[in-house]
Amino acid sequence: MNHLGSSQRRTTSVMTAEQYELERCRKEIAGLKQLVVRLSEIALRHVVESAQSGQNGPERLVEPPKS
């Protein structure tokens, strides 16, 4: 009977470690999403400012053909 109890405890601790890792990953993903949002805002702001100042017209945004 003790063998089953120790096995159950070990499973619980493994699950706890897996849950901890899952929570850590969720937090890291949330942080990365925030960085993507901030980067998108910066890029959009740059595009708008460039368009307003007449820089980087559509012809400059296209990459030159590769030879």
PDB file of N, CA and C in Angstrom:
ATOM      1  N   MET A   1       0.820  -1.189   0.000  1.00  0.00           N
ATOM      2  CA  MET A   1       0.000   0.000   0.000  1.00  0.00           C
ATOM      3  C   MET A   1       0.867   1.257   0.000  1.00  0.00           C
ATOM      4  N   ASN A   2       1.975   1.221   0.727  1.00  0.00           N
ATOM      5  CA  ASN A   2       2.864   2.379   0.732  1.00  0.00           C
ATOM      6  C   ASN A   2       3.433   2.637  -0.657  1.00  0.00           C
ATOM      7  N   HIS A   3       3.671   1.564  -1.395  1.00  0.00           N
ATOM      8  CA  HIS A   3       4.210   1.723  -2.743  1.00  0.00           C
ATOM      9  C   HIS A   3       3.278   2.549  -3.608  1.00  0.00           C
ATOM     10  N   LEU A   4       1.998   2.299  -3.537  1.00  0.00           N
ATOM     11  CA  LEU A   4       1.030   3.077  -4.314  1.00  0.00           C
ATOM     12  C   LEU A   4       0.998   4.526  -3.853  1.00  0.00           C
ATOM     13  N   GLY A   5       1.097   4.731  -2.543  1.00  0.00           N
ATOM     14  CA  GLY A   5       1.085   6.095  -2.021  1.00  0.00           C
ATOM     15  C   GLY A   5       2.274   6.897  -2.503  1.00  0.00           C
ATOM     16  N   SER A   6       3.467   6.301  -2.489  1.00  0.00           N
ATOM     17  CA  SER A   6       4.655   7.029  -2.941  1.00  0.00           C
ATOM     18  C   SER A   6       4.588   7.285  -4.440  1.00  0.00           C
ATOM     19  N   SER A   7       4.040   6.328  -5.184  1.00  0.00           N
ATOM     20  CA  SER A   7       3.879   6.503  -6.623  1.00  0.00           C
ATOM     21  C   SER A   7       2.922   7.655  -6.913  1.00  0.00           C
ATOM     22  N   GLN A   8       1.862   7.721  -6.133  1.00  0.00           N
ATOM     23  CA  GLN A   8       0.884   8.789  -6.311  1.00  0.00           C
ATOM     24  C   GLN A   8       1.522  10.140  -5.994  1.00  0.00           C
ATOM     25  N   ARG A   9       2.311  10.190  -4.940  1.00  0.00           N
ATOM     26  CA  ARG A   9       2.978  11.449  -4.579  1.00  0.00           C
ATOM     27  C   ARG A   9       3.942  11.875  -5.677  1.00  0.00           C
ATOM     28  N   ARG A  10       4.679  10.915  -6.226  1.00  0.00           N
ATOM     29  CA  ARG A  10       5.629  11.238  -7.279  1.00  0.00           C
ATOM     30  C   ARG A  10       4.889  11.789  -8.498  1.00  0.00           C
ATOM     31  N   THR A  11       3.778  11.184  -8.865  1.00  0.00           N
ATOM     32  CA  THR A  11       2.965  11.666  -9.984  1.00  0.00           C
ATOM     33  C   THR A  11       2.485  13.086  -9.709  1.00  0.00           C
ATOM     34  N   THR A  12       2.074  13.345  -8.471  1.00  0.00           N
ATOM     35  CA  THR A  12       1.615  14.685  -8.103  1.00  0.00           C
ATOM     36  C   THR A  12       2.742  15.692  -8.240  1.00  0.00           C
ATOM     37  N   SER A  13       3.955  15.332  -7.791  1.00  0.00           N
ATOM     38  CA  SER A  13       5.066  16.275  -7.883  1.00  0.00           C
ATOM     39  C   SER A  13       5.476  16.498  -9.335  1.00  0.00           C
ATOM     40  N   VAL A  14       5.404  15.447 -10.157  1.00  0.00           N
ATOM     41  CA  VAL A  14       5.710  15.604 -11.581  1.00  0.00           C
ATOM     42  C   VAL A  14       4.679  16.514 -12.223  1.00  0.00           C
ATOM     43  N   MET A  15       3.425  16.310 -11.909  1.00  0.00           N
ATOM     44  CA  MET A  15       2.380  17.172 -12.452  1.00  0.00           C
ATOM     45  C   MET A  15       2.600  18.607 -12.002  1.00  0.00           C
ATOM     46  N   THR A  16       3.017  18.777 -10.759  1.00  0.00           N
ATOM     47  CA  THR A  16       3.278  20.122 -10.266  1.00  0.00           C
ATOM     48  C   THR A  16       4.405  20.761 -11.072  1.00  0.00           C
ATOM     49  N   ALA A  17       5.463  19.995 -11.351  1.00  0.00           N
ATOM     50  CA  ALA A  17       6.573  20.514 -12.145  1.00  0.00           C
ATOM     51  C   ALA A  17       6.103  20.843 -13.561  1.00  0.00           C
ATOM     52  N   GLU A  18       5.266  19.976 -14.131  1.00  0.00           N
ATOM     53  CA  GLU A  18       4.742  20.237 -15.473  1.00  0.00           C
ATOM     54  C   GLU A  18       3.834  21.459 -15.471  1.00  0.00           C
ATOM     55  N   GLN A  19       3.024  21.588 -14.435  1.00  0.00           N
ATOM     56  CA  GLN A  19       2.143  22.750 -14.340  1.00  0.00           C
ATOM     57  C   GLN A  19       2.956  24.024 -14.168  1.00  0.00           C
ATOM     58  N   TYR A  20       4.029  23.944 -13.384  1.00  0.00           N
ATOM     59  CA  TYR A  20       4.906  25.099 -13.200  1.00  0.00           C
ATOM     60  C   TYR A  20       5.517  25.511 -14.535  1.00  0.00           C
ATOM     61  N   GLU A  21       6.008  24.523 -15.291  1.00  0.00           N
ATOM     62  CA  GLU A  21       6.606  24.803 -16.596  1.00  0.00           C
ATOM     63  C   GLU A  21       5.567  25.377 -17.557  1.00  0.00           C
ATOM     64  N   LEU A  22       4.350  24.832 -17.523  1.00  0.00           N
ATOM     65  CA  LEU A  22       3.273  25.338 -18.374  1.00  0.00           C
ATOM     66  C   LEU A  22       2.952  26.787 -18.032  1.00  0.00           C
ATOM     67  N   GLU A  23       2.886  27.096 -16.752  1.00  0.00           N
ATOM     68  CA  GLU A  23       2.597  28.469 -16.330  1.00  0.00           C
ATOM     69  C   GLU A  23       3.726  29.411 -16.740  1.00  0.00           C
ATOM     70  N   ARG A  24       4.978  28.940 -16.610  1.00  0.00           N
ATOM     71  CA  ARG A  24       6.123  29.754 -17.022  1.00  0.00           C
ATOM     72  C   ARG A  24       6.045  30.042 -18.520  1.00  0.00           C
ATOM     73  N   CYS A  25       5.705  29.033 -19.303  1.00  0.00           N
ATOM     74  CA  CYS A  25       5.581  29.205 -20.754  1.00  0.00           C
ATOM     75  C   CYS A  25       4.449  30.169 -21.101  1.00  0.00           C
ATOM     76  N   ARG A  26       3.338  30.048 -20.387  1.00  0.00           N
ATOM     77  CA  ARG A  26       2.212  30.962 -20.633  1.00  0.00           C
ATOM     78  C   ARG A  26       2.626  32.404 -20.371  1.00  0.00           C
ATOM     79  N   LYS A  27       3.366  32.622 -19.289  1.00  0.00           N
ATOM     80  CA  LYS A  27       3.816  33.985 -18.972  1.00  0.00           C
ATOM     81  C   LYS A  27       4.786  34.495 -20.028  1.00  0.00           C
ATOM     82  N   GLU A  28       5.682  33.622 -20.486  1.00  0.00           N
ATOM     83  CA  GLU A  28       6.631  34.025 -21.513  1.00  0.00           C
ATOM     84  C   GLU A  28       5.910  34.352 -22.818  1.00  0.00           C
ATOM     85  N   ILE A  29       4.916  33.557 -23.183  1.00  0.00           N
ATOM     86  CA  ILE A  29       4.127  33.815 -24.392  1.00  0.00           C
ATOM     87  C   ILE A  29       3.390  35.144 -24.267  1.00  0.00           C
ATOM     88  N   ALA A  30       2.822  35.407 -23.089  1.00  0.00           N
ATOM     89  CA  ALA A  30       2.119  36.680 -22.875  1.00  0.00           C
ATOM     90  C   ALA A  30       3.086  37.849 -23.040  1.00  0.00           C
ATOM     91  N   GLY A  31       4.297  37.710 -22.513  1.00  0.00           N
ATOM     92  CA  GLY A  31       5.300  38.764 -22.667  1.00  0.00           C
ATOM     93  C   GLY A  31       5.694  38.960 -24.121  1.00  0.00           C
ATOM     94  N   LEU A  32       5.843  37.863 -24.848  1.00  0.00           N
ATOM     95  CA  LEU A  32       6.187  37.955 -26.268  1.00  0.00           C
ATOM     96  C   LEU A  32       5.065  38.603 -27.071  1.00  0.00           C
ATOM     97  N   LYS A  33       3.818  38.300 -26.716  1.00  0.00           N
ATOM     98  CA  LYS A  33       2.686  38.938 -27.393  1.00  0.00           C
ATOM     99  C   LYS A  33       2.725  40.442 -27.177  1.00  0.00           C
ATOM    100  N   GLN A  34       3.051  40.873 -25.962  1.00  0.00           N
ATOM    101  CA  GLN A  34       3.151  42.305 -25.680  1.00  0.00           C
ATOM    102  C   GLN A  34       4.252  42.940 -26.524  1.00  0.00           C
ATOM    103  N   LEU A  35       5.381  42.246 -26.672  1.00  0.00           N
ATOM    104  CA  LEU A  35       6.465  42.768 -27.501  1.00  0.00           C
ATOM    105  C   LEU A  35       6.044  42.876 -28.961  1.00  0.00           C
ATOM    106  N   VAL A  36       5.295  41.902 -29.451  1.00  0.00           N
ATOM    107  CA  VAL A  36       4.804  41.945 -30.834  1.00  0.00           C
ATOM    108  C   VAL A  36       3.879  43.138 -31.018  1.00  0.00           C
ATOM    109  N   VAL A  37       2.999  43.372 -30.052  1.00  0.00           N
ATOM    110  CA  VAL A  37       2.082  44.513 -30.128  1.00  0.00           C
ATOM    111  C   VAL A  37       2.876  45.811 -30.150  1.00  0.00           C
ATOM    112  N   ARG A  38       3.860  45.939 -29.265  1.00  0.00           N
ATOM    113  CA  ARG A  38       4.659  47.171 -29.221  1.00  0.00           C
ATOM    114  C   ARG A  38       5.429  47.375 -30.516  1.00  0.00           C
ATOM    115  N   LEU A  39       6.022  46.307 -31.040  1.00  0.00           N
ATOM    116  CA  LEU A  39       6.765  46.409 -32.291  1.00  0.00           C
ATOM    117  C   LEU A  39       5.845  46.779 -33.447  1.00  0.00           C
ATOM    118  N   SER A  40       4.656  46.210 -33.474  1.00  0.00           N
ATOM    119  CA  SER A  40       3.685  46.539 -34.523  1.00  0.00           C
ATOM    120  C   SER A  40       3.284  48.004 -34.453  1.00  0.00           C
ATOM    121  N   GLU A  41       3.081  48.508 -33.237  1.00  0.00           N
ATOM    122  CA  GLU A  41       2.731  49.924 -33.069  1.00  0.00           C
ATOM    123  C   GLU A  41       3.857  50.820 -33.570  1.00  0.00           C
ATOM    124  N   ILE A  42       5.092  50.460 -33.247  1.00  0.00           N
ATOM    125  CA  ILE A  42       6.242  51.254 -33.694  1.00  0.00           C
ATOM    126  C   ILE A  42       6.340  51.229 -35.215  1.00  0.00           C
ATOM    127  N   ALA A  43       6.196  50.042 -35.808  1.00  0.00           N
ATOM    128  CA  ALA A  43       6.287  49.922 -37.265  1.00  0.00           C
ATOM    129  C   ALA A  43       5.176  50.705 -37.950  1.00  0.00           C
ATOM    130  N   LEU A  44       3.958  50.606 -37.434  1.00  0.00           N
ATOM    131  CA  LEU A  44       2.836  51.330 -38.019  1.00  0.00           C
ATOM    132  C   LEU A  44       3.046  52.835 -37.901  1.00  0.00           C
ATOM    133  N   ARG A  45       3.515  53.262 -36.739  1.00  0.00           N
ATOM    134  CA  ARG A  45       3.785  54.689 -36.545  1.00  0.00           C
ATOM    135  C   ARG A  45       4.837  55.173 -37.545  1.00  0.00           C
ATOM    136  N   HIS A  46       5.870  54.363 -37.771  1.00  0.00           N
ATOM    137  CA  HIS A  46       6.920  54.729 -38.721  1.00  0.00           C
ATOM    138  C   HIS A  46       6.361  54.827 -40.140  1.00  0.00           C
ATOM    139  N   VAL A  47       5.513  53.879 -40.520  1.00  0.00           N
ATOM    140  CA  VAL A  47       4.913  53.905 -41.859  1.00  0.00           C
ATOM    141  C   VAL A  47       4.060  55.154 -42.030  1.00  0.00           C
ATOM    142  N   VAL A  48       3.255  55.477 -41.018  1.00  0.00           N
ATOM    143  CA  VAL A  48       2.386  56.657 -41.093  1.00  0.00           C
ATOM    144  C   VAL A  48       3.225  57.921 -41.175  1.00  0.00           C
ATOM    145  N   GLU A  49       4.249  58.022 -40.331  1.00  0.00           N
ATOM    146  CA  GLU A  49       5.097  59.219 -40.347  1.00  0.00           C
ATOM    147  C   GLU A  49       5.824  59.356 -41.679  1.00  0.00           C
ATOM    148  N   SER A  50       6.292  58.236 -42.224  1.00  0.00           N
ATOM    149  CA  SER A  50       6.974  58.275 -43.517  1.00  0.00           C
ATOM    150  C   SER A  50       6.021  58.704 -44.624  1.00  0.00           C
ATOM    151  N   ALA A  51       4.804  58.195 -44.590  1.00  0.00           N
ATOM    152  CA  ALA A  51       3.815  58.556 -45.609  1.00  0.00           C
ATOM    153  C   ALA A  51       3.452  60.031 -45.510  1.00  0.00           C
ATOM    154  N   GLN A  52       3.340  60.536 -44.286  1.00  0.00           N
ATOM    155  CA  GLN A  52       2.987  61.942 -44.097  1.00  0.00           C
ATOM    156  C   GLN A  52       4.106  62.868 -44.554  1.00  0.00           C
ATOM    157  N   SER A  53       5.343  62.430 -44.400  1.00  0.00           N
ATOM    158  CA  SER A  53       6.456  63.287 -44.795  1.00  0.00           C
ATOM    159  C   SER A  53       6.848  63.063 -46.254  1.00  0.00           C
ATOM    160  N   GLY A  54       6.174  62.147 -46.941  1.00  0.00           N
ATOM    161  CA  GLY A  54       6.439  61.917 -48.355  1.00  0.00           C
ATOM    162  C   GLY A  54       7.617  60.999 -48.607  1.00  0.00           C
ATOM    163  N   GLN A  55       8.141  60.380 -47.574  1.00  0.00           N
ATOM    164  CA  GLN A  55       9.271  59.460 -47.735  1.00  0.00           C
ATOM    165  C   GLN A  55       8.752  58.053 -47.957  1.00  0.00           C
ATOM    166  N   ASN A  56       9.639  57.219 -48.470  1.00  0.00           N
ATOM    167  CA  ASN A  56       9.333  55.797 -48.650  1.00  0.00           C
ATOM    168  C   ASN A  56       8.004  55.569 -49.352  1.00  0.00           C
ATOM    169  N   GLY A  57       7.905  56.090 -50.550  1.00  0.00           N
ATOM    170  CA  GLY A  57       6.722  55.816 -51.348  1.00  0.00           C
ATOM    171  C   GLY A  57       6.636  54.332 -51.639  1.00  0.00           C
ATOM    172  N   PRO A  58       5.531  53.882 -52.206  1.00  0.00           N
ATOM    173  CA  PRO A  58       5.347  52.446 -52.447  1.00  0.00           C
ATOM    174  C   PRO A  58       6.474  51.823 -53.257  1.00  0.00           C
ATOM    175  N   GLU A  59       7.069  52.596 -54.173  1.00  0.00           N
ATOM    176  CA  GLU A  59       8.138  52.027 -54.983  1.00  0.00           C
ATOM    177  C   GLU A  59       9.374  51.710 -54.153  1.00  0.00           C
ATOM    178  N   ARG A  60       9.564  52.383 -53.035  1.00  0.00           N
ATOM    179  CA  ARG A  60      10.724  52.112 -52.186  1.00  0.00           C
ATOM    180  C   ARG A  60      10.467  50.957 -51.220  1.00  0.00           C
ATOM    181  N   LEU A  61       9.232  50.621 -50.969  1.00  0.00           N
ATOM    182  CA  LEU A  61       8.924  49.550 -50.038  1.00  0.00           C
ATOM    183  C   LEU A  61       9.113  48.175 -50.671  1.00  0.00           C
ATOM    184  N   VAL A  62       9.113  48.123 -52.009  1.00  0.00           N
ATOM    185  CA  VAL A  62       9.273  46.858 -52.710  1.00  0.00           C
ATOM    186  C   VAL A  62      10.759  46.551 -52.820  1.00  0.00           C
ATOM    187  N   GLU A  63      11.121  45.298 -52.547  1.00  0.00           N
ATOM    188  CA  GLU A  63      12.521  44.910 -52.659  1.00  0.00           C
ATOM    189  C   GLU A  63      12.920  44.888 -54.126  1.00  0.00           C
ATOM    190  N   PRO A  64      14.167  45.277 -54.405  1.00  0.00           N
ATOM    191  CA  PRO A  64      14.627  45.227 -55.801  1.00  0.00           C
ATOM    192  C   PRO A  64      14.709  43.775 -56.267  1.00  0.00           C
ATOM    193  N   PRO A  65      14.515  43.547 -57.561  1.00  0.00           N
ATOM    194  CA  PRO A  65      14.586  42.172 -58.076  1.00  0.00           C
ATOM    195  C   PRO A  65      15.979  41.583 -57.861  1.00  0.00           C
ATOM    196  N   LYS A  66      16.024  40.293 -57.534  1.00  0.00           N
ATOM    197  CA  LYS A  66      17.309  39.619 -57.318  1.00  0.00           C
ATOM    198  C   LYS A  66      17.771  39.032 -58.635  1.00  0.00           C
ATOM    199  N   SER A  67      19.073  39.234 -58.918  1.00  0.00           N
ATOM    200  CA  SER A  67      19.581  38.726 -60.200  1.00  0.00           C
ATOM    201  C   SER A  67      20.386  37.473 -60.027  1.00  0.00           C
TER     202      SER A  67
END
